[in-house]
Amino acid sequence: MNGISIKAILVSSIFGFVLMLVLIMILGALYPVLFNGGTAADFEQSWFSMLALAAPVAAGYLAARQAQTRPVLHGALSPVLNVLWGLIAMTFLVPPTAFTVAVLVANVLLGALGGYLYPSVRKH
């Protein structure tokens, strides 16, 4: 794995995983207030819960910033903990549906987006 910074991937992956958990908790707490007493099941199935997908973008950006090389690749690899947790959840906790698989793929793509954004943001 020439040119891949394991440190950048691990640090950004931990950051992204913790950020995802924090966003889910905050958004989950806000959901009933903002949407007239909605339930946890309502939150999980709402577009509002998708705001937590900002975490892989931030993790991808962080990975690219730390690695300084191959930003898109480092960004795509940064949500490794989110994807592993998703695979474990689909194995033991939730049924593997097209939606849950799409969320895992979205994590990787959004991480790559974060890595892609790093050089363009850095220039300005």
C-alpha atoms as a PDB file:
ATOM      1  CA  MET A   1       0.000   0.000   0.000  1.00  0.00           C
ATOM      2  CA  ASN A   2       2.520   2.493  -1.241  1.00  0.00           C
ATOM      3  CA  GLY A   3       1.571   6.101  -0.666  1.00  0.00           C
ATOM      4  CA  ILE A   4      -1.284   5.437   1.749  1.00  0.00           C
ATOM      5  CA  SER A   5      -1.093   6.984   5.198  1.00  0.00           C
ATOM      6  CA  ILE A   6      -2.508   4.491   7.699  1.00  0.00           C
ATOM      7  CA  LYS A   7      -2.275   7.137  10.417  1.00  0.00           C
ATOM      8  CA  ALA A   8      -4.389   9.593   8.396  1.00  0.00           C
ATOM      9  CA  ILE A   9      -6.994   6.916   7.720  1.00  0.00           C
ATOM     10  CA  LEU A  10      -7.192   5.752  11.347  1.00  0.00           C
ATOM     11  CA  VAL A  11      -7.350   9.245  12.856  1.00  0.00           C
ATOM     12  CA  SER A  12      -9.943  10.447  10.354  1.00  0.00           C
ATOM     13  CA  SER A  13     -11.938   7.234  10.694  1.00  0.00           C
ATOM     14  CA  ILE A  14     -12.173   7.593  14.474  1.00  0.00           C
ATOM     15  CA  PHE A  15     -13.062  11.274  14.062  1.00  0.00           C
ATOM     16  CA  GLY A  16     -15.747  10.460  11.477  1.00  0.00           C
ATOM     17  CA  PHE A  17     -17.229   7.647  13.553  1.00  0.00           C
ATOM     18  CA  VAL A  18     -17.458   9.781  16.700  1.00  0.00           C
ATOM     19  CA  LEU A  19     -18.843  12.722  14.717  1.00  0.00           C
ATOM     20  CA  MET A  20     -21.472  10.444  13.143  1.00  0.00           C
ATOM     21  CA  LEU A  21     -22.560   9.220  16.593  1.00  0.00           C
ATOM     22  CA  VAL A  22     -22.708  12.763  17.971  1.00  0.00           C
ATOM     23  CA  LEU A  23     -24.709  14.003  14.967  1.00  0.00           C
ATOM     24  CA  ILE A  24     -27.142  11.104  15.237  1.00  0.00           C
ATOM     25  CA  MET A  25     -27.662  11.788  18.956  1.00  0.00           C
ATOM     26  CA  ILE A  26     -28.133  15.532  18.467  1.00  0.00           C
ATOM     27  CA  LEU A  27     -30.356  15.177  15.413  1.00  0.00           C
ATOM     28  CA  GLY A  28     -32.330  12.413  17.119  1.00  0.00           C
ATOM     29  CA  ALA A  29     -32.914  14.651  20.138  1.00  0.00           C
ATOM     30  CA  LEU A  30     -33.954  17.590  17.959  1.00  0.00           C
ATOM     31  CA  TYR A  31     -36.286  15.572  15.742  1.00  0.00           C
ATOM     32  CA  PRO A  32     -39.239  15.323  18.181  1.00  0.00           C
ATOM     33  CA  VAL A  33     -38.935  19.025  18.978  1.00  0.00           C
ATOM     34  CA  LEU A  34     -38.776  20.167  15.365  1.00  0.00           C
ATOM     35  CA  PHE A  35     -41.271  17.712  13.937  1.00  0.00           C
ATOM     36  CA  ASN A  36     -44.081  17.710  16.515  1.00  0.00           C
ATOM     37  CA  GLY A  37     -43.288  14.709  18.671  1.00  0.00           C
ATOM     38  CA  GLY A  38     -41.907  12.338  16.039  1.00  0.00           C
ATOM     39  CA  THR A  39     -40.614   8.993  17.285  1.00  0.00           C
ATOM     40  CA  ALA A  40     -37.190   7.365  16.951  1.00  0.00           C
ATOM     41  CA  ALA A  41     -38.543   5.187  14.138  1.00  0.00           C
ATOM     42  CA  ASP A  42     -39.758   8.302  12.332  1.00  0.00           C
ATOM     43  CA  PHE A  43     -36.322   9.886  12.733  1.00  0.00           C
ATOM     44  CA  GLU A  44     -34.497   6.861  11.342  1.00  0.00           C
ATOM     45  CA  GLN A  45     -36.659   6.906   8.236  1.00  0.00           C
ATOM     46  CA  SER A  46     -36.547  10.653   7.652  1.00  0.00           C
ATOM     47  CA  TRP A  47     -34.390  12.832   5.460  1.00  0.00           C
ATOM     48  CA  PHE A  48     -33.387  14.632   8.656  1.00  0.00           C
ATOM     49  CA  SER A  49     -31.317  11.643   9.775  1.00  0.00           C
ATOM     50  CA  MET A  50     -29.348  11.865   6.519  1.00  0.00           C
ATOM     51  CA  LEU A  51     -27.749  15.081   7.805  1.00  0.00           C
ATOM     52  CA  ALA A  52     -25.450  12.786   9.796  1.00  0.00           C
ATOM     53  CA  LEU A  53     -23.832  11.874   6.475  1.00  0.00           C
ATOM     54  CA  ALA A  54     -21.863  15.107   6.822  1.00  0.00           C
ATOM     55  CA  ALA A  55     -19.502  13.075   9.041  1.00  0.00           C
ATOM     56  CA  PRO A  56     -17.841  11.102   6.212  1.00  0.00           C
ATOM     57  CA  VAL A  57     -17.287  14.332   4.265  1.00  0.00           C
ATOM     58  CA  ALA A  58     -15.507  15.854   7.267  1.00  0.00           C
ATOM     59  CA  ALA A  59     -13.535  12.642   7.829  1.00  0.00           C
ATOM     60  CA  GLY A  60     -12.480  12.547   4.174  1.00  0.00           C
ATOM     61  CA  TYR A  61     -11.343  16.152   4.343  1.00  0.00           C
ATOM     62  CA  LEU A  62      -9.348  15.432   7.501  1.00  0.00           C
ATOM     63  CA  ALA A  63      -7.729  12.343   5.952  1.00  0.00           C
ATOM     64  CA  ALA A  64      -6.683  14.299   2.865  1.00  0.00           C
ATOM     65  CA  ARG A  65      -5.336  17.125   5.006  1.00  0.00           C
ATOM     66  CA  GLN A  66      -3.257  14.770   7.142  1.00  0.00           C
ATOM     67  CA  ALA A  67      -1.985  12.619   4.273  1.00  0.00           C
ATOM     68  CA  GLN A  68      -1.128  15.494   1.882  1.00  0.00           C
ATOM     69  CA  THR A  69      -1.076  12.971  -1.000  1.00  0.00           C
ATOM     70  CA  ARG A  70      -3.793  11.138  -2.934  1.00  0.00           C
ATOM     71  CA  PRO A  71      -6.587  13.112  -1.256  1.00  0.00           C
ATOM     72  CA  VAL A  72      -9.528  11.334  -2.898  1.00  0.00           C
ATOM     73  CA  LEU A  73      -8.180   7.868  -2.053  1.00  0.00           C
ATOM     74  CA  HIS A  74      -7.504   8.830   1.558  1.00  0.00           C
ATOM     75  CA  GLY A  75     -10.952  10.406   1.745  1.00  0.00           C
ATOM     76  CA  ALA A  76     -12.622   7.283   0.381  1.00  0.00           C
ATOM     77  CA  LEU A  77     -10.808   5.105   2.917  1.00  0.00           C
ATOM     78  CA  SER A  78     -11.557   7.397   5.860  1.00  0.00           C
ATOM     79  CA  PRO A  79     -15.042   6.074   6.760  1.00  0.00           C
ATOM     80  CA  VAL A  80     -13.718   2.549   7.364  1.00  0.00           C
ATOM     81  CA  LEU A  81     -15.144   2.412  10.919  1.00  0.00           C
ATOM     82  CA  ASN A  82     -18.558   3.616   9.726  1.00  0.00           C
ATOM     83  CA  VAL A  83     -18.609   0.917   7.053  1.00  0.00           C
ATOM     84  CA  LEU A  84     -17.419  -1.796   9.452  1.00  0.00           C
ATOM     85  CA  TRP A  85     -20.069  -0.786  11.982  1.00  0.00           C
ATOM     86  CA  GLY A  86     -22.673  -0.816   9.211  1.00  0.00           C
ATOM     87  CA  LEU A  87     -21.662  -4.320   8.137  1.00  0.00           C
ATOM     88  CA  ILE A  88     -21.800  -5.550  11.733  1.00  0.00           C
ATOM     89  CA  ALA A  89     -25.192  -3.905  12.191  1.00  0.00           C
ATOM     90  CA  MET A  90     -26.520  -5.488   8.991  1.00  0.00           C
ATOM     91  CA  THR A  91     -25.256  -8.869  10.135  1.00  0.00           C
ATOM     92  CA  PHE A  92     -26.682  -8.804  13.663  1.00  0.00           C
ATOM     93  CA  LEU A  93     -29.074  -5.871  14.191  1.00  0.00           C
ATOM     94  CA  VAL A  94     -30.911  -4.705  11.084  1.00  0.00           C
ATOM     95  CA  PRO A  95     -31.937  -6.443   7.905  1.00  0.00           C
ATOM     96  CA  PRO A  96     -29.655  -5.763   4.935  1.00  0.00           C
ATOM     97  CA  THR A  97     -31.846  -3.723   2.630  1.00  0.00           C
ATOM     98  CA  ALA A  98     -31.028  -1.712  -0.467  1.00  0.00           C
ATOM     99  CA  PHE A  99     -31.222   1.420   1.698  1.00  0.00           C
ATOM    100  CA  THR A 100     -28.689   0.211   4.281  1.00  0.00           C
ATOM    101  CA  VAL A 101     -26.292  -0.889   1.547  1.00  0.00           C
ATOM    102  CA  ALA A 102     -26.740   2.497  -0.161  1.00  0.00           C
ATOM    103  CA  VAL A 103     -25.850   4.265   3.097  1.00  0.00           C
ATOM    104  CA  LEU A 104     -22.605   2.263   3.302  1.00  0.00           C
ATOM    105  CA  VAL A 105     -21.737   3.106  -0.290  1.00  0.00           C
ATOM    106  CA  ALA A 106     -22.659   6.744   0.383  1.00  0.00           C
ATOM    107  CA  ASN A 107     -20.189   6.808   3.285  1.00  0.00           C
ATOM    108  CA  VAL A 108     -17.347   5.858   0.960  1.00  0.00           C
ATOM    109  CA  LEU A 109     -18.430   8.264  -1.778  1.00  0.00           C
ATOM    110  CA  LEU A 110     -18.919  11.131   0.660  1.00  0.00           C
ATOM    111  CA  GLY A 111     -15.525  10.442   2.211  1.00  0.00           C
ATOM    112  CA  ALA A 112     -14.022  10.654  -1.283  1.00  0.00           C
ATOM    113  CA  LEU A 113     -15.893  13.937  -1.765  1.00  0.00           C
ATOM    114  CA  GLY A 114     -14.306  15.293   1.414  1.00  0.00           C
ATOM    115  CA  GLY A 115     -10.888  14.304   0.089  1.00  0.00           C
ATOM    116  CA  TYR A 116     -11.681  15.907  -3.252  1.00  0.00           C
ATOM    117  CA  LEU A 117     -12.715  19.135  -1.548  1.00  0.00           C
ATOM    118  CA  TYR A 118      -9.475  19.471   0.430  1.00  0.00           C
ATOM    119  CA  PRO A 119      -7.216  20.740  -2.378  1.00  0.00           C
ATOM    120  CA  SER A 120      -9.864  23.117  -3.717  1.00  0.00           C
ATOM    121  CA  VAL A 121     -10.594  24.603  -0.283  1.00  0.00           C
ATOM    122  CA  ARG A 122      -6.893  24.852   0.533  1.00  0.00           C
ATOM    123  CA  LYS A 123      -6.229  26.995  -2.577  1.00  0.00           C
ATOM    124  CA  HIS A 124      -8.654  29.743  -1.505  1.00  0.00           C
END
